[in-house]
N, C-alpha and C. Protein backbone atom coordinates (compact mmCIF):
# COMPACT_ATOMS: atom_id res chain seq x y z
N MET A 1 -78.82 75.87 118.25
CA MET A 1 -79.51 77.18 118.12
C MET A 1 -79.04 78.08 119.26
N ALA A 2 -78.71 79.32 118.94
CA ALA A 2 -78.28 80.26 119.96
C ALA A 2 -79.39 80.51 120.94
N VAL A 3 -79.01 80.90 122.19
CA VAL A 3 -80.01 81.15 123.22
C VAL A 3 -80.96 82.26 122.81
N THR A 4 -80.44 83.30 122.25
CA THR A 4 -81.30 84.43 121.87
C THR A 4 -82.28 84.04 120.78
N ALA A 5 -81.85 83.20 119.85
CA ALA A 5 -82.74 82.76 118.78
C ALA A 5 -83.84 81.87 119.33
N MET A 6 -83.47 80.96 120.23
CA MET A 6 -84.47 80.08 120.85
C MET A 6 -85.48 80.88 121.65
N ALA A 7 -85.01 81.88 122.37
CA ALA A 7 -85.93 82.73 123.15
C ALA A 7 -86.91 83.43 122.24
N ALA A 8 -86.47 83.87 121.11
CA ALA A 8 -87.34 84.56 120.17
C ALA A 8 -88.42 83.63 119.66
N VAL A 9 -88.04 82.39 119.36
CA VAL A 9 -89.02 81.41 118.89
C VAL A 9 -90.07 81.13 119.95
N LEU A 10 -89.59 80.92 121.19
CA LEU A 10 -90.52 80.64 122.29
C LEU A 10 -91.46 81.81 122.53
N LEU A 11 -90.95 83.02 122.47
CA LEU A 11 -91.81 84.20 122.65
C LEU A 11 -92.86 84.29 121.55
N GLY A 12 -92.46 83.93 120.34
CA GLY A 12 -93.41 83.96 119.22
C GLY A 12 -94.52 82.95 119.41
N VAL A 13 -94.18 81.75 119.87
CA VAL A 13 -95.19 80.73 120.13
C VAL A 13 -96.13 81.16 121.24
N ALA A 14 -95.57 81.70 122.31
CA ALA A 14 -96.39 82.16 123.43
C ALA A 14 -97.34 83.26 122.99
N GLY A 15 -96.84 84.17 122.17
CA GLY A 15 -97.70 85.25 121.69
C GLY A 15 -98.85 84.73 120.86
N ALA A 16 -98.58 83.72 120.05
CA ALA A 16 -99.64 83.15 119.21
C ALA A 16 -100.69 82.47 120.06
N LEU A 17 -100.29 81.78 121.13
CA LEU A 17 -101.25 81.10 122.00
C LEU A 17 -102.13 82.11 122.74
N VAL A 18 -101.52 83.16 123.25
CA VAL A 18 -102.28 84.17 123.99
C VAL A 18 -103.30 84.85 123.10
N SER A 19 -102.92 85.12 121.86
CA SER A 19 -103.83 85.82 120.95
C SER A 19 -104.81 84.88 120.27
N GLY A 20 -104.75 83.57 120.58
CA GLY A 20 -105.69 82.63 119.99
C GLY A 20 -105.27 82.13 118.63
N ARG A 21 -104.00 82.37 118.22
CA ARG A 21 -103.52 81.92 116.93
C ARG A 21 -102.83 80.58 117.10
N THR A 22 -103.38 79.55 116.51
CA THR A 22 -102.89 78.21 116.76
C THR A 22 -102.14 77.60 115.58
N GLY A 23 -102.05 78.26 114.48
CA GLY A 23 -101.36 77.70 113.32
C GLY A 23 -100.83 78.79 112.44
N PRO A 24 -100.20 78.42 111.38
CA PRO A 24 -99.59 79.42 110.50
C PRO A 24 -100.59 80.38 109.90
N ASP A 25 -101.85 79.92 109.70
CA ASP A 25 -102.82 80.83 109.08
C ASP A 25 -103.43 81.80 110.08
N HIS A 26 -103.26 81.51 111.37
CA HIS A 26 -103.72 82.41 112.44
C HIS A 26 -105.22 82.68 112.37
N ASP A 27 -106.02 81.80 111.77
CA ASP A 27 -107.45 82.05 111.59
C ASP A 27 -108.30 81.42 112.70
N ALA A 28 -107.86 80.37 113.31
CA ALA A 28 -108.69 79.62 114.26
C ALA A 28 -108.49 80.13 115.67
N PRO A 29 -109.54 80.73 116.30
CA PRO A 29 -109.40 81.20 117.68
C PRO A 29 -109.36 80.02 118.63
N ASP A 30 -108.77 80.26 119.79
CA ASP A 30 -108.72 79.24 120.82
C ASP A 30 -110.03 79.26 121.60
N THR A 31 -110.90 78.29 121.29
CA THR A 31 -112.23 78.28 121.91
C THR A 31 -112.19 77.84 123.37
N THR A 32 -111.03 77.44 123.85
CA THR A 32 -110.92 77.04 125.26
C THR A 32 -110.39 78.17 126.14
N SER A 33 -110.09 79.31 125.54
CA SER A 33 -109.59 80.42 126.34
C SER A 33 -110.67 80.96 127.25
N ILE A 34 -110.27 81.61 128.30
CA ILE A 34 -111.22 82.17 129.27
C ILE A 34 -112.15 83.17 128.59
N GLN A 35 -111.62 84.00 127.72
CA GLN A 35 -112.44 85.01 127.05
C GLN A 35 -113.47 84.36 126.14
N ALA A 36 -113.05 83.29 125.42
CA ALA A 36 -113.99 82.61 124.53
C ALA A 36 -115.11 81.96 125.31
N VAL A 37 -114.77 81.34 126.43
CA VAL A 37 -115.79 80.72 127.27
C VAL A 37 -116.75 81.78 127.82
N ALA A 38 -116.18 82.91 128.26
CA ALA A 38 -117.00 83.99 128.79
C ALA A 38 -117.94 84.56 127.73
N ASP A 39 -117.42 84.72 126.51
CA ASP A 39 -118.25 85.23 125.42
C ASP A 39 -119.39 84.28 125.11
N LYS A 40 -119.09 82.99 125.08
CA LYS A 40 -120.11 81.99 124.79
C LYS A 40 -121.19 81.98 125.87
N LEU A 41 -120.76 82.11 127.13
CA LEU A 41 -121.71 82.16 128.24
C LEU A 41 -122.59 83.39 128.15
N ALA A 42 -121.98 84.53 127.80
CA ALA A 42 -122.74 85.77 127.69
C ALA A 42 -123.77 85.68 126.56
N GLU A 43 -123.39 85.04 125.46
CA GLU A 43 -124.33 84.86 124.35
C GLU A 43 -125.52 84.00 124.76
N GLY A 44 -125.23 82.94 125.51
CA GLY A 44 -126.31 82.06 125.97
C GLY A 44 -127.25 82.79 126.92
N GLN A 45 -126.68 83.59 127.81
CA GLN A 45 -127.51 84.35 128.75
C GLN A 45 -128.36 85.38 128.01
N ALA A 46 -127.80 86.01 126.99
CA ALA A 46 -128.56 87.00 126.22
C ALA A 46 -129.72 86.34 125.51
N ARG A 47 -129.48 85.15 124.93
CA ARG A 47 -130.57 84.43 124.26
C ARG A 47 -131.67 84.05 125.25
N GLU A 48 -131.25 83.63 126.44
CA GLU A 48 -132.23 83.25 127.47
C GLU A 48 -133.05 84.45 127.91
N ARG A 49 -132.39 85.59 128.10
CA ARG A 49 -133.12 86.81 128.48
C ARG A 49 -134.11 87.21 127.40
N SER A 50 -133.69 87.13 126.16
CA SER A 50 -134.59 87.50 125.05
C SER A 50 -135.79 86.56 124.99
N ALA A 51 -135.55 85.26 125.22
CA ALA A 51 -136.64 84.29 125.18
C ALA A 51 -137.65 84.57 126.30
N ILE A 52 -137.15 84.88 127.48
CA ILE A 52 -138.05 85.17 128.61
C ILE A 52 -138.77 86.49 128.37
N ASN A 53 -138.08 87.47 127.78
CA ASN A 53 -138.75 88.73 127.43
C ASN A 53 -139.94 88.46 126.50
N ALA A 54 -139.71 87.57 125.52
CA ALA A 54 -140.78 87.25 124.57
C ALA A 54 -141.93 86.54 125.27
N ASP A 55 -141.61 85.61 126.16
CA ASP A 55 -142.66 84.91 126.92
C ASP A 55 -143.43 85.89 127.81
N LEU A 56 -142.70 86.79 128.43
CA LEU A 56 -143.32 87.77 129.33
C LEU A 56 -144.22 88.72 128.55
N ALA A 57 -143.76 89.14 127.38
CA ALA A 57 -144.55 90.05 126.54
C ALA A 57 -145.84 89.37 126.08
N ALA A 58 -145.73 88.11 125.66
CA ALA A 58 -146.91 87.38 125.19
C ALA A 58 -147.91 87.19 126.33
N ALA A 59 -147.42 86.85 127.52
CA ALA A 59 -148.30 86.66 128.68
C ALA A 59 -148.94 87.99 129.08
N ALA A 60 -148.16 89.07 129.03
CA ALA A 60 -148.70 90.39 129.40
C ALA A 60 -149.78 90.83 128.42
N GLU A 61 -149.59 90.55 127.14
CA GLU A 61 -150.60 90.92 126.14
C GLU A 61 -151.89 90.13 126.36
N GLU A 62 -151.75 88.84 126.70
CA GLU A 62 -152.93 88.03 126.97
C GLU A 62 -153.64 88.51 128.24
N ALA A 63 -152.85 88.76 129.29
CA ALA A 63 -153.43 89.23 130.55
C ALA A 63 -154.05 90.61 130.39
N HIS A 64 -153.44 91.43 129.54
CA HIS A 64 -153.94 92.79 129.30
C HIS A 64 -155.38 92.76 128.81
N GLU A 65 -155.69 91.84 127.91
CA GLU A 65 -157.05 91.74 127.38
C GLU A 65 -158.04 91.38 128.49
N HIS A 66 -157.66 90.46 129.35
CA HIS A 66 -158.55 90.04 130.43
C HIS A 66 -158.76 91.17 131.44
N LEU A 67 -157.66 91.84 131.81
CA LEU A 67 -157.79 92.91 132.80
C LEU A 67 -158.57 94.10 132.24
N ALA A 68 -158.37 94.40 130.97
CA ALA A 68 -159.10 95.52 130.37
C ALA A 68 -160.60 95.23 130.38
N ARG A 69 -160.97 93.99 130.14
CA ARG A 69 -162.39 93.62 130.16
C ARG A 69 -162.97 93.78 131.56
N VAL A 70 -162.21 93.38 132.57
CA VAL A 70 -162.67 93.54 133.95
C VAL A 70 -162.79 95.02 134.31
N LEU A 71 -161.81 95.80 133.89
CA LEU A 71 -161.85 97.24 134.19
C LEU A 71 -163.05 97.91 133.53
N ARG A 72 -163.39 97.48 132.33
CA ARG A 72 -164.57 98.05 131.67
C ARG A 72 -165.83 97.70 132.46
N GLY A 73 -165.89 96.47 132.97
CA GLY A 73 -167.04 96.08 133.78
C GLY A 73 -167.12 96.86 135.08
N LEU A 74 -165.99 97.00 135.74
CA LEU A 74 -165.97 97.75 137.00
C LEU A 74 -166.33 99.22 136.78
N ALA A 75 -165.90 99.77 135.64
CA ALA A 75 -166.21 101.17 135.35
C ALA A 75 -167.70 101.39 135.15
N THR A 76 -168.42 100.33 134.79
CA THR A 76 -169.87 100.44 134.64
C THR A 76 -170.56 100.49 136.00
N VAL A 77 -170.07 99.66 136.93
CA VAL A 77 -170.73 99.59 138.24
C VAL A 77 -170.19 100.61 139.22
N ILE A 78 -168.91 100.97 139.05
CA ILE A 78 -168.30 102.02 139.88
C ILE A 78 -167.53 102.93 138.92
N PRO A 79 -168.20 103.93 138.37
CA PRO A 79 -167.58 104.77 137.34
C PRO A 79 -166.29 105.43 137.81
N VAL A 80 -165.32 105.50 136.92
CA VAL A 80 -164.08 106.21 137.21
C VAL A 80 -164.37 107.71 137.30
N ASP A 81 -165.24 108.17 136.41
CA ASP A 81 -165.69 109.56 136.41
C ASP A 81 -166.88 109.67 137.37
N SER A 82 -166.70 110.43 138.42
CA SER A 82 -167.75 110.55 139.44
C SER A 82 -169.03 111.17 138.89
N GLY A 83 -168.95 111.80 137.71
CA GLY A 83 -170.13 112.40 137.13
C GLY A 83 -171.05 111.41 136.45
N LYS A 84 -170.57 110.17 136.26
CA LYS A 84 -171.39 109.15 135.61
C LYS A 84 -172.17 108.35 136.65
N SER A 85 -173.32 107.87 136.25
CA SER A 85 -174.15 107.08 137.16
C SER A 85 -173.76 105.61 137.08
N ALA A 86 -173.83 104.93 138.23
CA ALA A 86 -173.47 103.52 138.31
C ALA A 86 -174.63 102.64 137.87
N GLN A 87 -174.28 101.52 137.25
CA GLN A 87 -175.27 100.53 136.84
C GLN A 87 -174.90 99.20 137.48
N PRO A 88 -175.70 98.69 138.41
CA PRO A 88 -175.36 97.44 139.10
C PRO A 88 -175.16 96.29 138.11
N ALA A 89 -174.20 95.44 138.43
CA ALA A 89 -173.93 94.28 137.58
C ALA A 89 -174.52 93.03 138.20
N PRO A 90 -175.06 92.15 137.42
CA PRO A 90 -175.54 90.87 137.95
C PRO A 90 -174.38 90.00 138.40
N SER A 91 -174.69 89.00 139.21
CA SER A 91 -173.64 88.12 139.72
C SER A 91 -172.89 87.42 138.60
N GLY A 92 -173.57 87.17 137.49
CA GLY A 92 -172.91 86.53 136.36
C GLY A 92 -171.75 87.33 135.83
N ASP A 93 -171.87 88.66 135.88
CA ASP A 93 -170.77 89.51 135.44
C ASP A 93 -169.57 89.35 136.35
N VAL A 94 -169.82 89.29 137.64
CA VAL A 94 -168.72 89.13 138.60
C VAL A 94 -168.04 87.78 138.39
N ASP A 95 -168.80 86.77 138.09
CA ASP A 95 -168.23 85.46 137.79
C ASP A 95 -167.32 85.53 136.57
N GLN A 96 -167.75 86.29 135.57
CA GLN A 96 -166.94 86.45 134.37
C GLN A 96 -165.65 87.20 134.67
N TRP A 97 -165.74 88.23 135.54
CA TRP A 97 -164.54 88.95 135.93
C TRP A 97 -163.54 88.00 136.58
N ASN A 98 -164.05 87.17 137.50
CA ASN A 98 -163.16 86.25 138.20
C ASN A 98 -162.51 85.26 137.23
N GLN A 99 -163.26 84.84 136.23
CA GLN A 99 -162.70 83.93 135.23
C GLN A 99 -161.61 84.61 134.42
N ASP A 100 -161.87 85.85 134.01
CA ASP A 100 -160.87 86.61 133.27
C ASP A 100 -159.59 86.78 134.10
N LEU A 101 -159.75 87.11 135.36
CA LEU A 101 -158.59 87.36 136.21
C LEU A 101 -157.81 86.08 136.48
N ALA A 102 -158.52 84.96 136.60
CA ALA A 102 -157.83 83.68 136.78
C ALA A 102 -157.02 83.33 135.54
N LEU A 103 -157.57 83.59 134.36
CA LEU A 103 -156.85 83.32 133.11
C LEU A 103 -155.63 84.23 132.98
N ALA A 104 -155.78 85.49 133.39
CA ALA A 104 -154.66 86.42 133.33
C ALA A 104 -153.52 85.96 134.24
N ALA A 105 -153.88 85.59 135.47
CA ALA A 105 -152.87 85.13 136.42
C ALA A 105 -152.20 83.85 135.93
N SER A 106 -152.96 82.95 135.35
CA SER A 106 -152.41 81.69 134.85
C SER A 106 -151.39 81.94 133.74
N ALA A 107 -151.68 82.85 132.84
CA ALA A 107 -150.76 83.17 131.75
C ALA A 107 -149.45 83.73 132.29
N LEU A 108 -149.54 84.59 133.27
CA LEU A 108 -148.35 85.22 133.84
C LEU A 108 -147.53 84.25 134.68
N GLU A 109 -148.22 83.38 135.41
CA GLU A 109 -147.52 82.41 136.25
C GLU A 109 -146.75 81.39 135.42
N ALA A 110 -147.14 81.20 134.17
CA ALA A 110 -146.48 80.23 133.30
C ALA A 110 -145.13 80.73 132.79
N VAL A 111 -144.85 82.02 132.95
CA VAL A 111 -143.57 82.58 132.49
C VAL A 111 -142.47 82.11 133.44
N PRO A 112 -141.39 81.55 132.92
CA PRO A 112 -140.31 81.05 133.79
C PRO A 112 -139.56 82.18 134.49
N GLU A 113 -138.85 81.82 135.55
CA GLU A 113 -138.03 82.79 136.26
C GLU A 113 -136.91 83.29 135.36
N GLY A 114 -136.57 84.56 135.49
CA GLY A 114 -135.50 85.13 134.69
C GLY A 114 -134.59 85.98 135.55
N THR A 115 -134.16 87.11 135.02
CA THR A 115 -133.34 88.04 135.78
C THR A 115 -134.18 88.72 136.86
N SER A 116 -133.53 89.44 137.73
CA SER A 116 -134.28 90.13 138.78
C SER A 116 -135.25 91.14 138.19
N GLU A 117 -134.85 91.81 137.10
CA GLU A 117 -135.74 92.79 136.46
C GLU A 117 -136.96 92.09 135.85
N GLN A 118 -136.73 90.95 135.24
CA GLN A 118 -137.85 90.21 134.66
C GLN A 118 -138.78 89.68 135.74
N THR A 119 -138.20 89.23 136.85
CA THR A 119 -139.01 88.72 137.96
C THR A 119 -139.86 89.82 138.57
N VAL A 120 -139.28 91.01 138.71
CA VAL A 120 -140.02 92.14 139.28
C VAL A 120 -141.15 92.55 138.33
N THR A 121 -140.89 92.53 137.03
CA THR A 121 -141.92 92.88 136.05
C THR A 121 -143.09 91.91 136.13
N ARG A 122 -142.78 90.62 136.15
CA ARG A 122 -143.81 89.59 136.26
C ARG A 122 -144.60 89.75 137.56
N ALA A 123 -143.90 90.05 138.65
CA ALA A 123 -144.57 90.22 139.94
C ALA A 123 -145.51 91.42 139.93
N ALA A 124 -145.13 92.48 139.22
CA ALA A 124 -146.00 93.66 139.12
C ALA A 124 -147.29 93.32 138.38
N PHE A 125 -147.16 92.58 137.28
CA PHE A 125 -148.36 92.19 136.53
C PHE A 125 -149.26 91.28 137.38
N LEU A 126 -148.66 90.32 138.06
CA LEU A 126 -149.45 89.41 138.90
C LEU A 126 -150.09 90.17 140.06
N GLY A 127 -149.35 91.12 140.63
CA GLY A 127 -149.91 91.91 141.71
C GLY A 127 -151.12 92.71 141.27
N ALA A 128 -151.07 93.23 140.04
CA ALA A 128 -152.21 93.98 139.51
C ALA A 128 -153.42 93.07 139.35
N ALA A 129 -153.20 91.85 138.84
CA ALA A 129 -154.30 90.90 138.69
C ALA A 129 -154.89 90.53 140.05
N ASN A 130 -154.03 90.35 141.04
CA ASN A 130 -154.51 90.00 142.38
C ASN A 130 -155.32 91.14 143.00
N LEU A 131 -154.88 92.37 142.78
CA LEU A 131 -155.63 93.51 143.31
C LEU A 131 -157.01 93.62 142.66
N LEU A 132 -157.07 93.33 141.38
CA LEU A 132 -158.37 93.36 140.71
C LEU A 132 -159.26 92.21 141.18
N GLN A 133 -158.65 91.08 141.54
CA GLN A 133 -159.43 89.99 142.11
C GLN A 133 -160.05 90.43 143.44
N SER A 134 -159.29 91.17 144.23
CA SER A 134 -159.81 91.71 145.50
C SER A 134 -160.92 92.72 145.24
N ALA A 135 -160.75 93.52 144.18
CA ALA A 135 -161.79 94.50 143.83
C ALA A 135 -163.08 93.79 143.42
N ALA A 136 -162.95 92.73 142.64
CA ALA A 136 -164.13 91.98 142.21
C ALA A 136 -164.83 91.35 143.42
N ALA A 137 -164.03 90.80 144.34
CA ALA A 137 -164.61 90.22 145.56
C ALA A 137 -165.28 91.29 146.40
N GLY A 138 -164.66 92.46 146.45
CA GLY A 138 -165.24 93.56 147.20
C GLY A 138 -166.57 94.01 146.63
N TYR A 139 -166.65 94.03 145.31
CA TYR A 139 -167.91 94.41 144.70
C TYR A 139 -168.98 93.37 144.98
N GLN A 140 -168.60 92.10 145.00
CA GLN A 140 -169.56 91.04 145.32
C GLN A 140 -170.13 91.24 146.73
N HIS A 141 -169.26 91.61 147.68
CA HIS A 141 -169.73 91.90 149.04
C HIS A 141 -170.63 93.12 149.07
N LEU A 142 -170.30 94.09 148.22
CA LEU A 142 -171.07 95.32 148.18
C LEU A 142 -172.52 95.05 147.79
N LEU A 143 -172.72 94.09 146.89
CA LEU A 143 -174.08 93.79 146.43
C LEU A 143 -174.99 93.35 147.57
N ASP A 144 -174.42 92.68 148.56
CA ASP A 144 -175.21 92.15 149.67
C ASP A 144 -175.10 93.00 150.94
N ALA A 145 -174.35 94.09 150.86
CA ALA A 145 -174.10 94.90 152.06
C ALA A 145 -175.28 95.81 152.37
N PRO A 146 -175.48 96.14 153.64
CA PRO A 146 -176.52 97.12 153.99
C PRO A 146 -176.18 98.49 153.43
N GLU A 147 -177.19 99.30 153.28
CA GLU A 147 -177.02 100.60 152.63
C GLU A 147 -175.95 101.45 153.30
N ASP A 148 -175.87 101.41 154.63
CA ASP A 148 -174.92 102.29 155.32
C ASP A 148 -173.47 101.83 155.17
N LYS A 149 -173.23 100.65 154.63
CA LYS A 149 -171.87 100.15 154.44
C LYS A 149 -171.40 100.30 152.99
N ARG A 150 -172.30 100.60 152.11
CA ARG A 150 -171.96 100.56 150.69
C ARG A 150 -170.99 101.66 150.26
N GLY A 151 -171.07 102.79 150.92
CA GLY A 151 -170.16 103.88 150.57
C GLY A 151 -168.71 103.51 150.81
N LEU A 152 -168.42 102.92 151.97
CA LEU A 152 -167.06 102.52 152.30
C LEU A 152 -166.58 101.39 151.38
N LEU A 153 -167.47 100.44 151.11
CA LEU A 153 -167.09 99.33 150.24
C LEU A 153 -166.83 99.81 148.82
N THR A 154 -167.63 100.75 148.36
CA THR A 154 -167.43 101.30 147.02
C THR A 154 -166.08 102.00 146.92
N ALA A 155 -165.75 102.78 147.94
CA ALA A 155 -164.46 103.49 147.95
C ALA A 155 -163.30 102.50 147.98
N ALA A 156 -163.46 101.41 148.72
CA ALA A 156 -162.40 100.40 148.81
C ALA A 156 -162.16 99.74 147.46
N VAL A 157 -163.25 99.41 146.76
CA VAL A 157 -163.12 98.80 145.43
C VAL A 157 -162.44 99.78 144.47
N ALA A 158 -162.83 101.04 144.52
CA ALA A 158 -162.22 102.04 143.64
C ALA A 158 -160.73 102.20 143.93
N ASP A 159 -160.35 102.16 145.23
CA ASP A 159 -158.94 102.27 145.60
C ASP A 159 -158.14 101.06 145.10
N GLN A 160 -158.72 99.87 145.21
CA GLN A 160 -158.03 98.67 144.73
C GLN A 160 -157.86 98.71 143.22
N ARG A 161 -158.86 99.20 142.54
CA ARG A 161 -158.76 99.34 141.08
C ARG A 161 -157.63 100.30 140.71
N GLU A 162 -157.57 101.43 141.39
CA GLU A 162 -156.53 102.42 141.10
C GLU A 162 -155.14 101.85 141.38
N ALA A 163 -155.01 101.14 142.50
CA ALA A 163 -153.72 100.54 142.84
C ALA A 163 -153.32 99.48 141.82
N ALA A 164 -154.29 98.71 141.35
CA ALA A 164 -154.01 97.68 140.35
C ALA A 164 -153.50 98.29 139.05
N VAL A 165 -154.14 99.35 138.61
CA VAL A 165 -153.72 100.01 137.37
C VAL A 165 -152.33 100.61 137.53
N ASP A 166 -152.06 101.25 138.66
CA ASP A 166 -150.73 101.84 138.89
C ASP A 166 -149.65 100.76 138.87
N LEU A 167 -149.93 99.63 139.50
CA LEU A 167 -148.96 98.55 139.54
C LEU A 167 -148.75 97.95 138.15
N TRP A 168 -149.84 97.80 137.40
CA TRP A 168 -149.72 97.30 136.04
C TRP A 168 -148.88 98.24 135.18
N GLN A 169 -149.11 99.56 135.31
CA GLN A 169 -148.35 100.53 134.52
C GLN A 169 -146.85 100.40 134.80
N ALA A 170 -146.50 100.18 136.08
CA ALA A 170 -145.08 100.03 136.43
C ALA A 170 -144.49 98.80 135.74
N GLY A 171 -145.23 97.71 135.75
CA GLY A 171 -144.76 96.51 135.07
C GLY A 171 -144.66 96.70 133.57
N ALA A 172 -145.64 97.38 132.99
CA ALA A 172 -145.63 97.61 131.54
C ALA A 172 -144.45 98.49 131.12
N ALA A 173 -144.14 99.49 131.93
CA ALA A 173 -143.00 100.36 131.63
C ALA A 173 -141.70 99.57 131.71
N GLN A 174 -141.58 98.71 132.72
CA GLN A 174 -140.37 97.91 132.87
C GLN A 174 -140.23 96.91 131.72
N LEU A 175 -141.34 96.32 131.29
CA LEU A 175 -141.30 95.37 130.17
C LEU A 175 -140.85 96.08 128.89
N ASP A 176 -141.35 97.26 128.66
CA ASP A 176 -140.96 98.02 127.48
C ASP A 176 -139.45 98.30 127.51
N THR A 177 -138.94 98.69 128.67
CA THR A 177 -137.51 98.97 128.82
C THR A 177 -136.67 97.72 128.58
N LEU A 178 -137.09 96.60 129.17
CA LEU A 178 -136.35 95.35 128.99
C LEU A 178 -136.28 94.95 127.52
N THR A 179 -137.39 95.09 126.82
CA THR A 179 -137.45 94.68 125.43
C THR A 179 -136.57 95.57 124.54
N VAL A 180 -136.65 96.86 124.76
CA VAL A 180 -135.85 97.80 123.95
C VAL A 180 -134.36 97.61 124.23
N GLU A 181 -133.99 97.45 125.50
CA GLU A 181 -132.58 97.27 125.85
C GLU A 181 -132.02 95.98 125.25
N ALA A 182 -132.88 95.00 125.00
CA ALA A 182 -132.44 93.74 124.40
C ALA A 182 -132.41 93.82 122.88
N GLY A 183 -132.70 94.99 122.33
CA GLY A 183 -132.66 95.17 120.88
C GLY A 183 -133.99 94.97 120.19
N GLY A 184 -135.07 94.81 120.96
CA GLY A 184 -136.39 94.61 120.37
C GLY A 184 -137.15 95.92 120.18
N GLU A 185 -138.38 95.79 119.71
CA GLU A 185 -139.21 96.97 119.51
C GLU A 185 -140.00 97.29 120.78
N HIS A 186 -140.54 98.50 120.83
CA HIS A 186 -141.35 98.91 121.97
C HIS A 186 -142.57 98.00 122.12
N ILE A 187 -142.92 97.69 123.35
CA ILE A 187 -144.12 96.93 123.65
C ILE A 187 -144.96 97.76 124.61
N HIS A 188 -146.13 98.16 124.18
CA HIS A 188 -147.01 99.00 125.00
C HIS A 188 -148.25 98.21 125.39
N VAL A 189 -148.30 97.79 126.65
CA VAL A 189 -149.45 97.04 127.16
C VAL A 189 -150.05 97.79 128.37
N PHE A 190 -150.08 99.10 128.26
CA PHE A 190 -150.58 99.91 129.37
C PHE A 190 -152.11 99.84 129.44
N LEU A 191 -152.63 100.19 130.61
CA LEU A 191 -154.07 100.13 130.86
C LEU A 191 -154.59 101.49 131.30
N ALA A 192 -155.87 101.70 131.05
CA ALA A 192 -156.58 102.86 131.59
C ALA A 192 -157.51 102.36 132.69
N PRO A 193 -157.80 103.18 133.69
CA PRO A 193 -158.67 102.73 134.79
C PRO A 193 -160.03 102.22 134.36
N ASP A 194 -160.51 102.73 133.22
CA ASP A 194 -161.83 102.28 132.75
C ASP A 194 -161.72 101.22 131.65
N GLY A 195 -160.49 100.76 131.37
CA GLY A 195 -160.29 99.72 130.37
C GLY A 195 -160.36 100.19 128.93
N ASP A 196 -160.52 101.48 128.71
CA ASP A 196 -160.64 102.04 127.36
C ASP A 196 -159.24 102.37 126.84
N PRO A 197 -158.79 101.76 125.73
CA PRO A 197 -157.44 102.04 125.21
C PRO A 197 -157.21 103.52 124.92
N ALA A 198 -158.27 104.21 124.51
CA ALA A 198 -158.12 105.63 124.19
C ALA A 198 -157.89 106.48 125.43
N ALA A 199 -158.17 105.92 126.61
CA ALA A 199 -158.03 106.68 127.85
C ALA A 199 -156.69 106.44 128.54
N VAL A 200 -155.80 105.66 127.91
CA VAL A 200 -154.46 105.45 128.47
C VAL A 200 -153.75 106.80 128.54
N PRO A 201 -153.14 107.15 129.68
CA PRO A 201 -152.44 108.44 129.80
C PRO A 201 -151.45 108.66 128.67
N GLN A 202 -151.29 109.89 128.25
CA GLN A 202 -150.46 110.20 127.09
C GLN A 202 -149.02 109.72 127.24
N GLU A 203 -148.48 109.80 128.46
CA GLU A 203 -147.08 109.39 128.63
C GLU A 203 -146.89 107.90 128.41
N PHE A 204 -147.98 107.14 128.38
CA PHE A 204 -147.89 105.69 128.14
C PHE A 204 -148.32 105.28 126.75
N GLN A 205 -148.76 106.25 125.95
CA GLN A 205 -149.23 105.91 124.61
C GLN A 205 -148.05 105.78 123.66
N GLU A 206 -148.25 105.03 122.58
CA GLU A 206 -147.22 104.85 121.58
C GLU A 206 -146.96 106.18 120.87
N PRO A 207 -145.71 106.40 120.45
CA PRO A 207 -145.40 107.63 119.70
C PRO A 207 -146.31 107.78 118.49
N GLY A 208 -146.80 108.99 118.28
CA GLY A 208 -147.70 109.23 117.16
C GLY A 208 -149.16 109.19 117.54
N ASN A 209 -149.45 108.65 118.75
CA ASN A 209 -150.86 108.59 119.20
C ASN A 209 -151.17 109.71 120.18
N HIS A 210 -150.21 110.57 120.48
CA HIS A 210 -150.47 111.65 121.44
C HIS A 210 -151.38 112.69 120.82
């Protein structure tokens, strides 16, 4: 075989290997190529992200119910609207708040570690639950506090509630973004300071509910 003819054959074989064509039919890709391995790894990572998104969404929805119940209780004893009168809650109510918050935290803590964005989202939800736990504890102290201390304690509980809701909203917004970017539907688990779904700020409401 002439040198030029042999070179042509070798170049043809090399081209087929590079393009993933391993036989005359050229249908079977080379699954050992760097690109194929990278694609397979990317697919696995995408599936894992989607699975954690689903776990995070389910935990957030469960925790949302518990936190909303606590916020409704707190709004009764320390109204969000200063024009409303407060109604003291019995100790049993505070015990129920603590139980709700423990269940919310437990659901969120069960979500496995994921990407940095998923970890930050989970941390925001847990931080909100922890702040509400501090608010519940603060209200418990308020019940036994002398009259001259109650004003400061009330303000502290209200501030913790506000901070908890703000932190939860940040986590809820991030969860919605993560889910949509992964090809899923919008997930709206936002909260209102008084726990009333109708009082969720308009920018956090689902389209069509404005």
